[in-house]
Amino acid sequence: MPLESVSRGFKDISLSFKRNPVTNDVISLRNEDAIKRSVINLVRTRIGERFFNPLLGSKVENYFFELADIGLEEPIRDEIRTVINNFEPRVRLRNVDVSLFPEDNAMDVSIVYDIVGLSVPQQAVNFILQPTRY
């Protein structure tokens, strides 16, 4: 069994770029919120979208142009598992669930994970993916 490292915490900047009223610095996200934002960003980032890391991202949004049926959910789950396991070492993935809504051209994504190195309860993030253009 591999040894797990103990972390002192995680910190990322908020993508809203709002400023802190006291320090006038960009608002930061800490620990669970930072990792939650990172997991969502990984799923929503398309492969090739990051200039200095063209392999980072997923092909999840390509599935919007496929015929929605029960057989499509498993490849989407696999894609989400792969991108999180490859690019987010701070989490240990527990479950990925995808529900398709073909009439709305949307996917409901639910991801359950543990944070490595922090003693916090199991985390879950739930969001809806929709295409930005039709």
C-alpha atoms as a PDB file:
ATOM      1  CA  MET A   1       0.000   0.000   0.000  1.00  0.00           C
ATOM      2  CA  PRO A   2       1.540   3.367  -1.018  1.00  0.00           C
ATOM      3  CA  LEU A   3       2.149   6.004   1.593  1.00  0.00           C
ATOM      4  CA  GLU A   4      -0.148   9.012   1.514  1.00  0.00           C
ATOM      5  CA  SER A   5       1.291  12.436   2.065  1.00  0.00           C
ATOM      6  CA  VAL A   6      -0.260  14.812   4.552  1.00  0.00           C
ATOM      7  CA  SER A   7      -0.967  18.235   3.156  1.00  0.00           C
ATOM      8  CA  ARG A   8      -1.115  21.575   4.887  1.00  0.00           C
ATOM      9  CA  GLY A   9      -3.860  22.749   2.562  1.00  0.00           C
ATOM     10  CA  PHE A  10      -4.615  23.825  -0.981  1.00  0.00           C
ATOM     11  CA  LYS A  11      -5.164  27.295  -2.372  1.00  0.00           C
ATOM     12  CA  ASP A  12      -6.223  28.545  -5.829  1.00  0.00           C
ATOM     13  CA  ILE A  13      -7.457  31.864  -7.159  1.00  0.00           C
ATOM     14  CA  SER A  14     -11.129  32.378  -7.887  1.00  0.00           C
ATOM     15  CA  LEU A  15     -11.948  32.642 -11.584  1.00  0.00           C
ATOM     16  CA  SER A  16     -14.434  35.405 -10.853  1.00  0.00           C
ATOM     17  CA  PHE A  17     -11.409  37.676 -10.240  1.00  0.00           C
ATOM     18  CA  LYS A  18     -13.362  39.642  -7.668  1.00  0.00           C
ATOM     19  CA  ARG A  19     -11.216  41.402  -5.130  1.00  0.00           C
ATOM     20  CA  ASN A  20     -11.146  40.974  -1.410  1.00  0.00           C
ATOM     21  CA  PRO A  21     -12.592  44.143   0.187  1.00  0.00           C
ATOM     22  CA  VAL A  22      -9.992  44.123   2.964  1.00  0.00           C
ATOM     23  CA  THR A  23      -6.758  43.219   1.146  1.00  0.00           C
ATOM     24  CA  ASN A  24      -7.685  44.306  -2.420  1.00  0.00           C
ATOM     25  CA  ASP A  25      -6.170  41.032  -3.589  1.00  0.00           C
ATOM     26  CA  VAL A  26      -7.957  38.486  -5.797  1.00  0.00           C
ATOM     27  CA  ILE A  27     -10.291  36.265  -3.763  1.00  0.00           C
ATOM     28  CA  SER A  28      -8.812  32.831  -3.186  1.00  0.00           C
ATOM     29  CA  LEU A  29     -10.418  29.424  -2.870  1.00  0.00           C
ATOM     30  CA  ARG A  30      -9.111  27.088  -0.199  1.00  0.00           C
ATOM     31  CA  ASN A  31      -8.987  23.334   0.344  1.00  0.00           C
ATOM     32  CA  GLU A  32     -12.309  21.687  -0.616  1.00  0.00           C
ATOM     33  CA  ASP A  33     -13.536  24.640  -2.697  1.00  0.00           C
ATOM     34  CA  ALA A  34     -10.259  24.844  -4.645  1.00  0.00           C
ATOM     35  CA  ILE A  35     -10.322  21.147  -5.463  1.00  0.00           C
ATOM     36  CA  LYS A  36     -14.019  21.213  -6.374  1.00  0.00           C
ATOM     37  CA  ARG A  37     -13.381  24.047  -8.841  1.00  0.00           C
ATOM     38  CA  SER A  38     -10.399  22.153 -10.276  1.00  0.00           C
ATOM     39  CA  VAL A  39     -12.443  18.972 -10.849  1.00  0.00           C
ATOM     40  CA  ILE A  40     -15.183  20.910 -12.648  1.00  0.00           C
ATOM     41  CA  ASN A  41     -12.627  22.796 -14.761  1.00  0.00           C
ATOM     42  CA  LEU A  42     -10.914  19.558 -15.806  1.00  0.00           C
ATOM     43  CA  VAL A  43     -14.178  18.069 -17.057  1.00  0.00           C
ATOM     44  CA  ARG A  44     -15.184  21.257 -18.883  1.00  0.00           C
ATOM     45  CA  THR A  45     -11.786  21.930 -20.478  1.00  0.00           C
ATOM     46  CA  ARG A  46     -11.438  20.612 -24.010  1.00  0.00           C
ATOM     47  CA  ILE A  47      -8.269  18.826 -25.074  1.00  0.00           C
ATOM     48  CA  GLY A  48      -5.933  21.355 -26.706  1.00  0.00           C
ATOM     49  CA  GLU A  49      -7.555  24.350 -25.004  1.00  0.00           C
ATOM     50  CA  ARG A  50      -4.637  24.984 -22.606  1.00  0.00           C
ATOM     51  CA  PHE A  51      -1.715  26.524 -24.469  1.00  0.00           C
ATOM     52  CA  PHE A  52       1.157  25.105 -22.452  1.00  0.00           C
ATOM     53  CA  ASN A  53      -0.445  21.734 -21.716  1.00  0.00           C
ATOM     54  CA  PRO A  54      -2.270  20.593 -24.860  1.00  0.00           C
ATOM     55  CA  LEU A  55      -2.999  17.112 -23.424  1.00  0.00           C
ATOM     56  CA  LEU A  56      -4.966  18.465 -20.446  1.00  0.00           C
ATOM     57  CA  GLY A  57      -8.738  18.261 -20.755  1.00  0.00           C
ATOM     58  CA  SER A  58     -11.494  15.877 -21.771  1.00  0.00           C
ATOM     59  CA  LYS A  59     -13.606  14.979 -24.794  1.00  0.00           C
ATOM     60  CA  VAL A  60     -16.865  15.137 -22.819  1.00  0.00           C
ATOM     61  CA  GLU A  61     -18.278  18.054 -24.802  1.00  0.00           C
ATOM     62  CA  ASN A  62     -17.846  16.105 -28.051  1.00  0.00           C
ATOM     63  CA  TYR A  63     -20.602  13.751 -26.857  1.00  0.00           C
ATOM     64  CA  PHE A  64     -23.201  16.501 -27.213  1.00  0.00           C
ATOM     65  CA  PHE A  65     -23.259  15.785 -30.928  1.00  0.00           C
ATOM     66  CA  GLU A  66     -23.895  12.039 -30.531  1.00  0.00           C
ATOM     67  CA  LEU A  67     -27.306  10.407 -30.383  1.00  0.00           C
ATOM     68  CA  ALA A  68     -28.215  10.263 -26.690  1.00  0.00           C
ATOM     69  CA  ASP A  69     -28.983   6.753 -25.476  1.00  0.00           C
ATOM     70  CA  ILE A  70     -28.147   4.499 -22.537  1.00  0.00           C
ATOM     71  CA  GLY A  71     -24.950   3.262 -24.244  1.00  0.00           C
ATOM     72  CA  LEU A  72     -23.495   6.770 -24.294  1.00  0.00           C
ATOM     73  CA  GLU A  73     -23.334   7.176 -20.502  1.00  0.00           C
ATOM     74  CA  GLU A  74     -20.480   4.684 -19.954  1.00  0.00           C
ATOM     75  CA  PRO A  75     -18.001   6.326 -22.398  1.00  0.00           C
ATOM     76  CA  ILE A  76     -18.714   9.704 -20.767  1.00  0.00           C
ATOM     77  CA  ARG A  77     -18.113   8.228 -17.293  1.00  0.00           C
ATOM     78  CA  ASP A  78     -14.855   6.674 -18.522  1.00  0.00           C
ATOM     79  CA  GLU A  79     -13.702   9.979 -20.000  1.00  0.00           C
ATOM     80  CA  ILE A  80     -14.400  11.821 -16.734  1.00  0.00           C
ATOM     81  CA  ARG A  81     -12.621   9.128 -14.690  1.00  0.00           C
ATOM     82  CA  THR A  82      -9.604   9.265 -16.989  1.00  0.00           C
ATOM     83  CA  VAL A  83      -9.184  13.035 -16.917  1.00  0.00           C
ATOM     84  CA  ILE A  84      -9.541  13.243 -13.125  1.00  0.00           C
ATOM     85  CA  ASN A  85      -7.216  10.302 -12.449  1.00  0.00           C
ATOM     86  CA  ASN A  86      -4.597  11.686 -14.859  1.00  0.00           C
ATOM     87  CA  PHE A  87      -4.642  15.362 -13.935  1.00  0.00           C
ATOM     88  CA  GLU A  88      -5.928  15.744 -10.366  1.00  0.00           C
ATOM     89  CA  PRO A  89      -3.582  13.924  -7.940  1.00  0.00           C
ATOM     90  CA  ARG A  90      -5.198  15.593  -4.911  1.00  0.00           C
ATOM     91  CA  VAL A  91      -8.312  13.386  -5.143  1.00  0.00           C
ATOM     92  CA  ARG A  92      -9.123   9.692  -4.985  1.00  0.00           C
ATOM     93  CA  LEU A  93     -12.142   9.129  -7.190  1.00  0.00           C
ATOM     94  CA  ARG A  94     -15.015   7.115  -5.688  1.00  0.00           C
ATOM     95  CA  ASN A  95     -17.909   7.397  -8.134  1.00  0.00           C
ATOM     96  CA  VAL A  96     -18.913   9.141 -11.346  1.00  0.00           C
ATOM     97  CA  ASP A  97     -22.554   9.224 -12.405  1.00  0.00           C
ATOM     98  CA  VAL A  98     -23.893  10.698 -15.638  1.00  0.00           C
ATOM     99  CA  SER A  99     -27.545  11.228 -16.540  1.00  0.00           C
ATOM    100  CA  LEU A 100     -28.467  12.310 -20.050  1.00  0.00           C
ATOM    101  CA  PHE A 101     -31.315  14.678 -20.864  1.00  0.00           C
ATOM    102  CA  PRO A 102     -31.602  14.502 -24.679  1.00  0.00           C
ATOM    103  CA  GLU A 103     -34.637  16.804 -24.836  1.00  0.00           C
ATOM    104  CA  ASP A 104     -32.565  19.590 -23.218  1.00  0.00           C
ATOM    105  CA  ASN A 105     -29.270  18.540 -24.847  1.00  0.00           C
ATOM    106  CA  ALA A 106     -27.712  18.366 -21.378  1.00  0.00           C
ATOM    107  CA  MET A 107     -25.846  16.015 -19.054  1.00  0.00           C
ATOM    108  CA  ASP A 108     -26.110  15.900 -15.275  1.00  0.00           C
ATOM    109  CA  VAL A 109     -22.704  14.925 -13.865  1.00  0.00           C
ATOM    110  CA  SER A 110     -22.170  13.816 -10.277  1.00  0.00           C
ATOM    111  CA  ILE A 111     -18.623  13.101  -9.011  1.00  0.00           C
ATOM    112  CA  VAL A 112     -17.809  11.695  -5.562  1.00  0.00           C
ATOM    113  CA  TYR A 113     -14.212  11.731  -4.312  1.00  0.00           C
ATOM    114  CA  ASP A 114     -11.937  11.790  -1.274  1.00  0.00           C
ATOM    115  CA  ILE A 115      -9.282  14.478  -0.839  1.00  0.00           C
ATOM    116  CA  VAL A 116      -5.819  12.973  -0.403  1.00  0.00           C
ATOM    117  CA  GLY A 117      -3.894  14.425   2.514  1.00  0.00           C
ATOM    118  CA  LEU A 118      -6.754  16.255   4.239  1.00  0.00           C
ATOM    119  CA  SER A 119      -8.964  14.789   6.921  1.00  0.00           C
ATOM    120  CA  VAL A 120     -12.290  15.996   5.541  1.00  0.00           C
ATOM    121  CA  PRO A 121     -15.454  14.032   4.759  1.00  0.00           C
ATOM    122  CA  GLN A 122     -16.075  12.557   1.331  1.00  0.00           C
ATOM    123  CA  GLN A 123     -16.748  15.307  -1.211  1.00  0.00           C
ATOM    124  CA  ALA A 124     -19.336  15.435  -3.992  1.00  0.00           C
ATOM    125  CA  VAL A 125     -19.772  17.836  -6.858  1.00  0.00           C
ATOM    126  CA  ASN A 126     -22.830  17.940  -9.104  1.00  0.00           C
ATOM    127  CA  PHE A 127     -23.165  20.096 -12.213  1.00  0.00           C
ATOM    128  CA  ILE A 128     -24.982  20.207 -15.542  1.00  0.00           C
ATOM    129  CA  LEU A 129     -23.124  20.291 -18.828  1.00  0.00           C
ATOM    130  CA  GLN A 130     -24.765  21.974 -21.802  1.00  0.00           C
ATOM    131  CA  PRO A 131     -23.271  23.031 -25.107  1.00  0.00           C
ATOM    132  CA  THR A 132     -22.368  26.686 -25.351  1.00  0.00           C
ATOM    133  CA  ARG A 133     -23.483  26.884 -28.995  1.00  0.00           C
ATOM    134  CA  TYR A 134     -26.022  25.038 -31.097  1.00  0.00           C
END
